[in-house]
Amino acid sequence: MLRGLIAILILANVLAFATSLGAFGPVPSASSREPNHLNRQIHPESLTVRPVSAADAADQAVVGGPAPQAPISTSALPQ
């Protein structure tokens, strides 16, 4: 029983290795099946970097800073 299981596992490993080497043809990720994706990529030379204005930075989270205090008013409860 155990010998059969070991033989099946060794065979599966050999088949996986042969597949990774391309014995059954090229892997699907090796070729460009959808060339339109390459045409839609962003070209880095067309990107521009601009500084963030104060109005845009107001809604940005401050990393590492204290959490803002919520405007909550407190009062004593009546007894």
N, C-alpha and C. Protein backbone atom coordinates (compact mmCIF):
# COMPACT_ATOMS: atom_id res chain seq x y z
N MET A 1 0.83 -1.19 0.00
CA MET A 1 0.00 0.00 0.00
C MET A 1 0.87 1.26 0.00
N LEU A 2 1.85 1.30 0.92
CA LEU A 2 2.71 2.46 1.03
C LEU A 2 3.64 2.56 -0.18
N ARG A 3 4.07 1.43 -0.71
CA ARG A 3 4.93 1.46 -1.90
C ARG A 3 4.19 2.04 -3.09
N GLY A 4 2.95 1.69 -3.23
CA GLY A 4 2.14 2.23 -4.33
C GLY A 4 1.96 3.73 -4.21
N LEU A 5 1.73 4.21 -2.99
CA LEU A 5 1.57 5.64 -2.76
C LEU A 5 2.86 6.39 -3.07
N ILE A 6 3.98 5.84 -2.65
CA ILE A 6 5.28 6.47 -2.94
C ILE A 6 5.54 6.48 -4.44
N ALA A 7 5.20 5.39 -5.14
CA ALA A 7 5.39 5.33 -6.59
C ALA A 7 4.52 6.38 -7.29
N ILE A 8 3.29 6.56 -6.85
CA ILE A 8 2.41 7.56 -7.44
C ILE A 8 2.95 8.97 -7.19
N LEU A 9 3.46 9.23 -5.99
CA LEU A 9 4.02 10.55 -5.69
C LEU A 9 5.27 10.84 -6.51
N ILE A 10 6.11 9.84 -6.69
CA ILE A 10 7.31 10.03 -7.51
C ILE A 10 6.92 10.29 -8.97
N LEU A 11 5.94 9.56 -9.47
CA LEU A 11 5.47 9.77 -10.83
C LEU A 11 4.87 11.17 -10.99
N ALA A 12 4.11 11.61 -10.01
CA ALA A 12 3.53 12.96 -10.06
C ALA A 12 4.63 14.03 -10.06
N ASN A 13 5.67 13.82 -9.27
CA ASN A 13 6.78 14.77 -9.26
C ASN A 13 7.53 14.79 -10.60
N VAL A 14 7.71 13.64 -11.20
CA VAL A 14 8.39 13.57 -12.50
C VAL A 14 7.54 14.28 -13.56
N LEU A 15 6.24 14.08 -13.55
CA LEU A 15 5.36 14.75 -14.49
C LEU A 15 5.35 16.26 -14.27
N ALA A 16 5.35 16.70 -13.03
CA ALA A 16 5.38 18.13 -12.74
C ALA A 16 6.69 18.75 -13.21
N PHE A 17 7.79 18.04 -13.01
CA PHE A 17 9.09 18.54 -13.47
C PHE A 17 9.14 18.61 -14.99
N ALA A 18 8.62 17.61 -15.66
CA ALA A 18 8.60 17.60 -17.12
C ALA A 18 7.72 18.72 -17.65
N THR A 19 6.63 18.99 -16.98
CA THR A 19 5.75 20.08 -17.39
C THR A 19 6.44 21.42 -17.22
N SER A 20 7.17 21.60 -16.15
CA SER A 20 7.86 22.87 -15.92
C SER A 20 8.98 23.09 -16.94
N LEU A 21 9.54 22.02 -17.49
CA LEU A 21 10.57 22.14 -18.52
C LEU A 21 9.98 22.35 -19.91
N GLY A 22 8.67 22.19 -20.05
CA GLY A 22 8.02 22.42 -21.33
C GLY A 22 7.90 21.17 -22.17
N ALA A 23 7.85 20.01 -21.57
CA ALA A 23 7.75 18.76 -22.32
C ALA A 23 6.40 18.64 -23.02
N PHE A 24 5.37 19.24 -22.51
CA PHE A 24 4.03 19.16 -23.09
C PHE A 24 3.64 20.43 -23.82
N GLY A 25 4.61 21.22 -24.21
CA GLY A 25 4.35 22.48 -24.89
C GLY A 25 4.64 23.64 -23.94
N PRO A 26 4.61 24.85 -24.49
CA PRO A 26 4.92 26.00 -23.64
C PRO A 26 3.81 26.25 -22.62
N VAL A 27 4.20 26.75 -21.49
CA VAL A 27 3.21 27.09 -20.47
C VAL A 27 2.42 28.30 -20.94
N PRO A 28 1.15 28.43 -20.57
CA PRO A 28 0.33 29.54 -21.05
C PRO A 28 0.87 30.92 -20.67
N SER A 29 1.57 31.01 -19.57
CA SER A 29 2.08 32.31 -19.15
C SER A 29 3.32 32.72 -19.94
N ALA A 30 3.90 31.81 -20.74
CA ALA A 30 5.10 32.13 -21.49
C ALA A 30 4.80 32.95 -22.75
N SER A 31 3.60 32.85 -23.26
CA SER A 31 3.28 33.58 -24.48
C SER A 31 2.29 34.70 -24.17
N SER A 32 2.22 35.63 -25.09
CA SER A 32 1.27 36.74 -24.89
C SER A 32 -0.03 36.39 -25.59
N ARG A 33 -0.95 35.89 -24.85
CA ARG A 33 -2.25 35.52 -25.42
C ARG A 33 -3.14 36.73 -25.62
N GLU A 34 -2.94 37.77 -24.85
CA GLU A 34 -3.75 38.96 -24.96
C GLU A 34 -2.84 40.16 -25.21
N PRO A 35 -2.47 40.40 -26.46
CA PRO A 35 -1.53 41.48 -26.74
C PRO A 35 -2.11 42.87 -26.48
N ASN A 36 -3.43 42.99 -26.39
CA ASN A 36 -4.02 44.31 -26.14
C ASN A 36 -3.68 44.81 -24.73
N HIS A 37 -3.32 43.92 -23.82
CA HIS A 37 -2.89 44.37 -22.50
C HIS A 37 -1.58 45.14 -22.59
N LEU A 38 -0.71 44.72 -23.48
CA LEU A 38 0.55 45.44 -23.65
C LEU A 38 0.31 46.83 -24.22
N ASN A 39 -0.68 46.97 -25.07
CA ASN A 39 -0.97 48.27 -25.66
C ASN A 39 -1.61 49.23 -24.67
N ARG A 40 -2.26 48.71 -23.63
CA ARG A 40 -2.96 49.55 -22.67
C ARG A 40 -2.10 49.91 -21.46
N GLN A 41 -0.86 49.47 -21.41
CA GLN A 41 -0.01 49.76 -20.27
C GLN A 41 0.35 51.24 -20.23
N ILE A 42 0.56 51.73 -19.02
CA ILE A 42 0.94 53.13 -18.83
C ILE A 42 2.42 53.27 -19.14
N HIS A 43 2.75 54.26 -19.95
CA HIS A 43 4.14 54.51 -20.29
C HIS A 43 4.73 55.46 -19.25
N PRO A 44 5.82 55.10 -18.62
CA PRO A 44 6.37 55.93 -17.55
C PRO A 44 6.83 57.30 -18.03
N GLU A 45 7.18 57.44 -19.29
CA GLU A 45 7.64 58.74 -19.76
C GLU A 45 6.49 59.74 -19.88
N SER A 46 5.25 59.25 -19.89
CA SER A 46 4.11 60.17 -20.00
C SER A 46 3.56 60.58 -18.63
N LEU A 47 4.08 60.01 -17.55
CA LEU A 47 3.62 60.36 -16.21
C LEU A 47 4.34 61.61 -15.71
N THR A 48 3.61 62.45 -15.01
CA THR A 48 4.22 63.63 -14.40
C THR A 48 3.96 63.61 -12.91
N VAL A 49 4.90 64.12 -12.15
CA VAL A 49 4.78 64.16 -10.70
C VAL A 49 4.52 65.60 -10.30
N ARG A 50 3.51 65.80 -9.48
CA ARG A 50 3.20 67.15 -9.01
C ARG A 50 3.04 67.11 -7.49
N PRO A 51 3.39 68.19 -6.82
CA PRO A 51 3.27 68.19 -5.37
C PRO A 51 1.80 68.23 -4.94
N VAL A 52 1.54 67.73 -3.76
CA VAL A 52 0.19 67.72 -3.21
C VAL A 52 -0.09 69.09 -2.61
N SER A 53 -1.22 69.68 -2.99
CA SER A 53 -1.58 70.99 -2.45
C SER A 53 -2.11 70.83 -1.02
N ALA A 54 -2.23 71.92 -0.31
CA ALA A 54 -2.71 71.87 1.07
C ALA A 54 -4.15 71.38 1.13
N ALA A 55 -4.95 71.76 0.14
CA ALA A 55 -6.35 71.31 0.13
C ALA A 55 -6.45 69.80 -0.09
N ASP A 56 -5.58 69.26 -0.95
CA ASP A 56 -5.59 67.82 -1.18
C ASP A 56 -5.00 67.05 0.00
N ALA A 57 -4.07 67.65 0.73
CA ALA A 57 -3.42 66.97 1.84
C ALA A 57 -4.28 66.94 3.10
N ALA A 58 -5.36 67.73 3.15
CA ALA A 58 -6.17 67.81 4.36
C ALA A 58 -6.86 66.48 4.67
N ASP A 59 -7.23 65.73 3.64
CA ASP A 59 -7.94 64.48 3.90
C ASP A 59 -7.01 63.27 3.92
N GLN A 60 -5.71 63.48 3.86
CA GLN A 60 -4.76 62.39 3.91
C GLN A 60 -4.49 61.98 5.36
N ALA A 61 -4.33 60.70 5.58
CA ALA A 61 -4.06 60.21 6.93
C ALA A 61 -2.61 60.51 7.30
N VAL A 62 -2.39 60.86 8.54
CA VAL A 62 -1.05 61.11 9.04
C VAL A 62 -0.55 59.81 9.66
N VAL A 63 0.46 59.24 9.07
CA VAL A 63 0.98 57.96 9.54
C VAL A 63 1.92 58.22 10.70
N GLY A 64 1.68 57.54 11.80
CA GLY A 64 2.55 57.65 12.95
C GLY A 64 2.16 58.77 13.91
N GLY A 65 1.17 59.57 13.53
CA GLY A 65 0.73 60.65 14.40
C GLY A 65 -0.36 60.18 15.34
N PRO A 66 -0.71 61.02 16.31
CA PRO A 66 -1.79 60.63 17.21
C PRO A 66 -3.13 60.67 16.48
N ALA A 67 -4.06 59.89 16.97
CA ALA A 67 -5.39 59.86 16.38
C ALA A 67 -6.10 61.17 16.71
N PRO A 68 -6.86 61.70 15.77
CA PRO A 68 -7.56 62.96 16.05
C PRO A 68 -8.64 62.76 17.11
N GLN A 69 -8.84 63.78 17.91
CA GLN A 69 -9.85 63.73 18.95
C GLN A 69 -11.22 64.03 18.35
N ALA A 70 -12.20 63.24 18.70
CA ALA A 70 -13.56 63.45 18.21
C ALA A 70 -14.20 64.59 18.99
N PRO A 71 -14.96 65.45 18.31
CA PRO A 71 -15.63 66.56 19.01
C PRO A 71 -16.86 66.08 19.79
N ILE A 72 -16.61 65.53 20.96
CA ILE A 72 -17.69 64.99 21.80
C ILE A 72 -17.76 65.82 23.07
N SER A 73 -18.96 66.26 23.39
CA SER A 73 -19.12 66.99 24.64
C SER A 73 -19.67 66.04 25.71
N THR A 74 -19.25 66.24 26.95
CA THR A 74 -19.69 65.38 28.03
C THR A 74 -20.46 66.18 29.04
N SER A 75 -21.34 65.52 29.72
CA SER A 75 -22.10 66.15 30.80
C SER A 75 -22.43 65.09 31.84
N ALA A 76 -22.73 65.55 33.03
CA ALA A 76 -23.04 64.62 34.11
C ALA A 76 -24.44 64.04 33.89
N LEU A 77 -24.59 62.77 34.24
CA LEU A 77 -25.89 62.13 34.12
C LEU A 77 -26.75 62.48 35.33
N PRO A 78 -28.04 62.76 35.11
CA PRO A 78 -28.92 63.02 36.26
C PRO A 78 -29.20 61.73 37.02
N GLN A 79 -29.33 61.89 38.34
CA GLN A 79 -29.57 60.71 39.16
C GLN A 79 -30.95 60.69 39.75
